[in-house]
Amino acid sequence: MKEQNEANQAIEINDFISKAEAFLEKYKNHIYIGVAAVIIIIAGIFGLKKLYFEPRAEEAAGEMFMAENFFDNYDYDKALNGDKESNSLGFLDIISDYKGTEAANLAYYYAGVCELRLGQYEEAIEHLKKFSSTDNYVKPLALMAQGDAEAELQNNDKALALYEKAAAKGDNILVAPTALFKAGMMYLAMQKNDKAIACFNKVKEKYPESTEYSDMDKYIAVAEASK
């Protein structure tokens, strides 16, 4: 019985191999074309990356230099819109001309901050929303700037949510104390004093080395007194 089963299995295997060989022989031209197409596609993607995307990304990064320089010198209009005299692009040009590059993504952040400083709050919010990053410093800064823009538009609940999100995402001495302080001041303005005190106390407890720390007792006292 065992020998019969083994013989049957051998016949089935041979039959499968024969059918496979017949299939390959019949469709070999199609298979060769398919394999060649895959190779061409892979080569095309690799070539596109090397010959187009990488040089384009480098060019975009180079074009960012002057805009960042204007930004660092607080010339937010030129940083945003460019400068004809120096033939330099602004962050809005980078966004428009270099879509899909990391420079364009970063330009969303810079453009949003420029617009915030120039009083263009709705535009600032739109650009800051489009900025993408997993960095635990820059992304929370973008959220905090977005919160500032919402606060200027009197959208207090949205501003608070953004400040608190920034504090949670940027749990470090460079971001969280500032975000918590802003949230606390917003709560204070809304006469939600207990929540304001909670924010100020969190700065005291978690970030004693922050620049905000030294003023927290003063703001806690104000919040306590105005309950």
Protein backbone atom coordinates (compact mmCIF):
# COMPACT_ATOMS: atom_id res chain seq x y z
CA MET A 1 0.00 0.00 0.00
CA LYS A 2 2.84 2.38 0.93
CA GLU A 3 4.68 1.60 -2.29
CA GLN A 4 1.50 2.20 -4.32
CA ASN A 5 1.02 5.65 -2.67
CA GLU A 6 4.61 6.61 -3.37
CA ALA A 7 4.20 5.54 -7.00
CA ASN A 8 1.02 7.62 -7.32
CA GLN A 9 2.77 10.66 -5.83
CA ALA A 10 5.65 10.24 -8.28
CA ILE A 11 3.18 10.13 -11.18
CA GLU A 12 1.43 13.28 -9.92
CA ILE A 13 4.75 15.13 -9.56
CA ASN A 14 5.87 14.12 -13.03
CA ASP A 15 2.48 15.15 -14.43
CA PHE A 16 2.76 18.55 -12.72
CA ILE A 17 6.29 19.06 -14.08
CA SER A 18 5.16 18.13 -17.58
CA LYS A 19 2.25 20.56 -17.45
CA ALA A 20 4.51 23.29 -16.09
CA GLU A 21 7.03 22.73 -18.87
CA ALA A 22 4.26 22.81 -21.47
CA PHE A 23 2.90 26.04 -19.97
CA LEU A 24 6.33 27.68 -19.98
CA GLU A 25 6.96 26.59 -23.55
CA LYS A 26 3.58 27.92 -24.71
CA TYR A 27 3.82 31.27 -22.92
CA LYS A 28 7.57 31.82 -22.75
CA ASN A 29 7.44 34.89 -24.98
CA HIS A 30 4.81 36.50 -22.75
CA ILE A 31 6.85 35.62 -19.66
CA TYR A 32 10.03 37.10 -21.15
CA ILE A 33 8.13 40.27 -22.02
CA GLY A 34 6.69 40.46 -18.48
CA VAL A 35 10.10 39.98 -16.86
CA ALA A 36 11.62 42.55 -19.18
CA ALA A 37 8.83 45.00 -18.33
CA VAL A 38 9.47 44.58 -14.59
CA ILE A 39 13.19 45.15 -15.14
CA ILE A 40 12.49 48.27 -17.20
CA ILE A 41 10.11 49.63 -14.54
CA ILE A 42 12.63 49.03 -11.75
CA ALA A 43 15.42 50.60 -13.80
CA GLY A 44 13.12 53.52 -14.63
CA ILE A 45 12.27 54.14 -10.98
CA PHE A 46 15.94 53.96 -9.99
CA GLY A 47 16.93 56.25 -12.85
CA LEU A 48 14.15 58.72 -12.03
CA LYS A 49 15.28 58.85 -8.46
CA LYS A 50 18.95 59.36 -9.35
CA LEU A 51 18.51 61.66 -12.33
CA TYR A 52 15.46 63.68 -11.26
CA PHE A 53 14.33 63.48 -7.65
CA GLU A 54 17.73 63.62 -5.93
CA PRO A 55 19.10 66.55 -8.01
CA ARG A 56 15.75 68.32 -7.61
CA ALA A 57 15.88 67.86 -3.83
CA GLU A 58 19.44 69.25 -3.76
CA GLU A 59 18.41 72.21 -5.90
CA ALA A 60 15.45 72.94 -3.62
CA ALA A 61 17.66 72.80 -0.53
CA GLY A 62 20.05 75.25 -2.18
CA GLU A 63 17.23 77.63 -3.07
CA MET A 64 16.12 77.62 0.59
CA PHE A 65 19.36 79.25 1.73
CA MET A 66 18.46 82.89 1.05
CA ALA A 67 14.90 82.49 2.33
CA GLU A 68 16.22 81.01 5.58
CA ASN A 69 18.73 83.86 5.80
CA PHE A 70 15.94 86.44 5.51
CA PHE A 71 13.94 84.48 8.11
CA ASP A 72 16.87 84.45 10.56
CA ASN A 73 17.14 88.23 10.15
CA TYR A 74 13.41 88.72 10.84
CA ASP A 75 12.70 89.92 7.28
CA TYR A 76 9.58 87.79 7.06
CA ASP A 77 8.15 89.37 3.90
CA LYS A 78 11.25 88.59 1.82
CA ALA A 79 11.56 85.18 3.45
CA LEU A 80 7.99 84.42 2.46
CA ASN A 81 7.79 86.00 -0.98
CA GLY A 82 11.40 86.13 -2.16
CA ASP A 83 13.55 89.06 -3.21
CA LYS A 84 13.82 90.26 -6.82
CA GLU A 85 17.00 92.25 -6.21
CA SER A 86 18.95 89.19 -5.07
CA ASN A 87 16.96 86.91 -7.42
CA SER A 88 16.14 84.65 -4.48
CA LEU A 89 13.06 82.54 -3.95
CA GLY A 90 10.79 82.75 -0.94
CA PHE A 91 9.20 79.90 0.94
CA LEU A 92 6.01 80.20 -1.11
CA ASP A 93 8.09 79.72 -4.27
CA ILE A 94 9.78 76.65 -2.78
CA ILE A 95 6.37 75.15 -1.97
CA SER A 96 5.10 75.85 -5.48
CA ASP A 97 8.21 74.92 -7.51
CA TYR A 98 9.54 71.93 -5.58
CA LYS A 99 6.48 69.95 -4.54
CA GLY A 100 7.29 66.59 -3.00
CA THR A 101 10.74 67.53 -1.71
CA GLU A 102 11.75 67.77 1.93
CA ALA A 103 12.59 71.43 1.31
CA ALA A 104 9.00 72.10 0.24
CA ASN A 105 7.73 70.31 3.35
CA LEU A 106 9.98 72.41 5.59
CA ALA A 107 8.92 75.53 3.68
CA TYR A 108 5.36 74.93 4.89
CA TYR A 109 6.61 75.44 8.46
CA TYR A 110 8.69 78.50 7.63
CA ALA A 111 5.91 80.04 5.54
CA GLY A 112 3.42 79.50 8.36
CA VAL A 113 5.66 81.22 10.90
CA CYS A 114 6.32 84.12 8.51
CA GLU A 115 2.59 84.56 7.95
CA LEU A 116 1.97 84.43 11.69
CA ARG A 117 4.51 87.23 12.21
CA LEU A 118 2.96 89.23 9.36
CA GLY A 119 -0.54 88.90 10.78
CA GLN A 120 -1.77 86.55 8.05
CA TYR A 121 -3.31 84.12 10.50
CA GLU A 122 -5.57 82.02 8.30
CA GLU A 123 -2.79 81.48 5.76
CA ALA A 124 -0.42 80.59 8.60
CA ILE A 125 -2.79 77.90 9.87
CA GLU A 126 -3.18 76.35 6.42
CA HIS A 127 0.55 76.11 5.84
CA LEU A 128 1.37 74.88 9.34
CA LYS A 129 -1.25 72.14 8.99
CA LYS A 130 0.51 70.87 5.87
CA PHE A 131 3.91 70.61 7.56
CA SER A 132 4.78 66.99 8.33
CA SER A 133 7.44 65.83 10.78
CA THR A 134 8.07 63.23 13.44
CA ASP A 135 10.68 65.41 15.12
CA ASN A 136 9.83 66.03 18.78
CA TYR A 137 11.04 69.61 18.59
CA VAL A 138 10.06 71.13 15.22
CA LYS A 139 6.60 69.54 14.93
CA PRO A 140 5.51 70.75 18.40
CA LEU A 141 6.83 74.21 17.51
CA ALA A 142 4.59 74.13 14.43
CA LEU A 143 1.61 73.10 16.57
CA MET A 144 2.36 75.91 19.00
CA ALA A 145 2.61 78.46 16.16
CA GLN A 146 -0.69 77.18 14.81
CA GLY A 147 -2.14 77.66 18.28
CA ASP A 148 -0.89 81.27 18.30
CA ALA A 149 -2.65 81.90 14.98
CA GLU A 150 -5.89 80.39 16.28
CA ALA A 151 -5.60 82.52 19.42
CA GLU A 152 -5.23 85.66 17.29
CA LEU A 153 -8.44 84.68 15.51
CA GLN A 154 -10.15 84.27 18.91
CA ASN A 155 -10.52 80.52 18.39
CA ASN A 156 -9.59 79.86 22.00
CA ASP A 157 -10.66 76.22 22.21
CA LYS A 158 -8.63 75.33 19.11
CA ALA A 159 -5.64 77.26 20.43
CA LEU A 160 -5.80 75.43 23.76
CA ALA A 161 -5.99 72.03 22.10
CA LEU A 162 -2.95 72.86 19.99
CA TYR A 163 -0.92 74.15 22.95
CA GLU A 164 -1.69 71.04 24.96
CA LYS A 165 -0.89 68.79 22.00
CA ALA A 166 2.40 70.62 21.50
CA ALA A 167 3.28 70.16 25.19
CA ALA A 168 2.52 66.44 25.00
CA LYS A 169 4.41 65.84 21.75
CA GLY A 170 7.32 68.07 22.68
CA ASP A 171 7.93 66.74 26.16
CA ASN A 172 11.26 68.54 26.55
CA ILE A 173 12.59 71.69 28.17
CA LEU A 174 12.70 73.57 24.87
CA VAL A 175 9.02 73.22 23.96
CA ALA A 176 6.75 71.91 26.70
CA PRO A 177 7.20 74.71 29.29
CA THR A 178 6.37 77.38 26.72
CA ALA A 179 3.36 75.46 25.42
CA LEU A 180 2.08 74.84 28.95
CA PHE A 181 2.56 78.50 29.86
CA LYS A 182 0.60 79.59 26.79
CA ALA A 183 -2.17 77.12 27.67
CA GLY A 184 -2.20 78.40 31.23
CA MET A 185 -2.48 82.02 30.12
CA MET A 186 -5.30 81.09 27.77
CA TYR A 187 -7.15 79.33 30.57
CA LEU A 188 -6.58 82.36 32.78
CA ALA A 189 -8.06 84.68 30.14
CA MET A 190 -11.07 82.35 29.92
CA GLN A 191 -11.42 82.45 33.73
CA LYS A 192 -10.73 78.74 34.02
CA ASN A 193 -8.34 79.37 36.86
CA ASP A 194 -7.98 75.83 38.20
CA LYS A 195 -6.88 74.60 34.79
CA ALA A 196 -4.50 77.54 34.48
CA ILE A 197 -2.97 76.66 37.85
CA ALA A 198 -2.59 73.04 36.76
CA CYS A 199 -0.59 74.14 33.71
CA PHE A 200 1.63 76.46 35.75
CA ASN A 201 2.21 73.78 38.40
CA LYS A 202 3.20 71.30 35.70
CA VAL A 203 5.91 73.68 34.55
CA LYS A 204 7.12 73.98 38.16
CA GLU A 205 7.14 70.24 38.76
CA LYS A 206 8.52 68.95 35.45
CA TYR A 207 10.70 71.75 34.06
CA PRO A 208 12.53 73.55 36.89
CA GLU A 209 15.41 74.45 34.54
CA SER A 210 13.17 76.20 32.02
CA THR A 211 13.11 79.96 31.57
CA GLU A 212 9.38 79.95 32.40
CA TYR A 213 9.93 78.31 35.80
CA SER A 214 10.92 81.46 37.71
CA ASP A 215 7.63 83.22 36.94
CA MET A 216 5.27 80.37 37.75
CA ASP A 217 4.68 81.29 41.40
CA LYS A 218 3.65 84.78 40.29
CA TYR A 219 1.12 83.46 37.78
CA ILE A 220 -0.19 80.86 40.21
CA ALA A 221 -0.75 83.64 42.73
CA VAL A 222 -2.63 85.69 40.14
CA ALA A 223 -4.80 82.72 39.25
CA GLU A 224 -5.50 81.96 42.91
CA ALA A 225 -6.37 85.58 43.68
CA SER A 226 -8.80 85.93 40.79
CA LYS A 227 -10.82 82.78 41.51
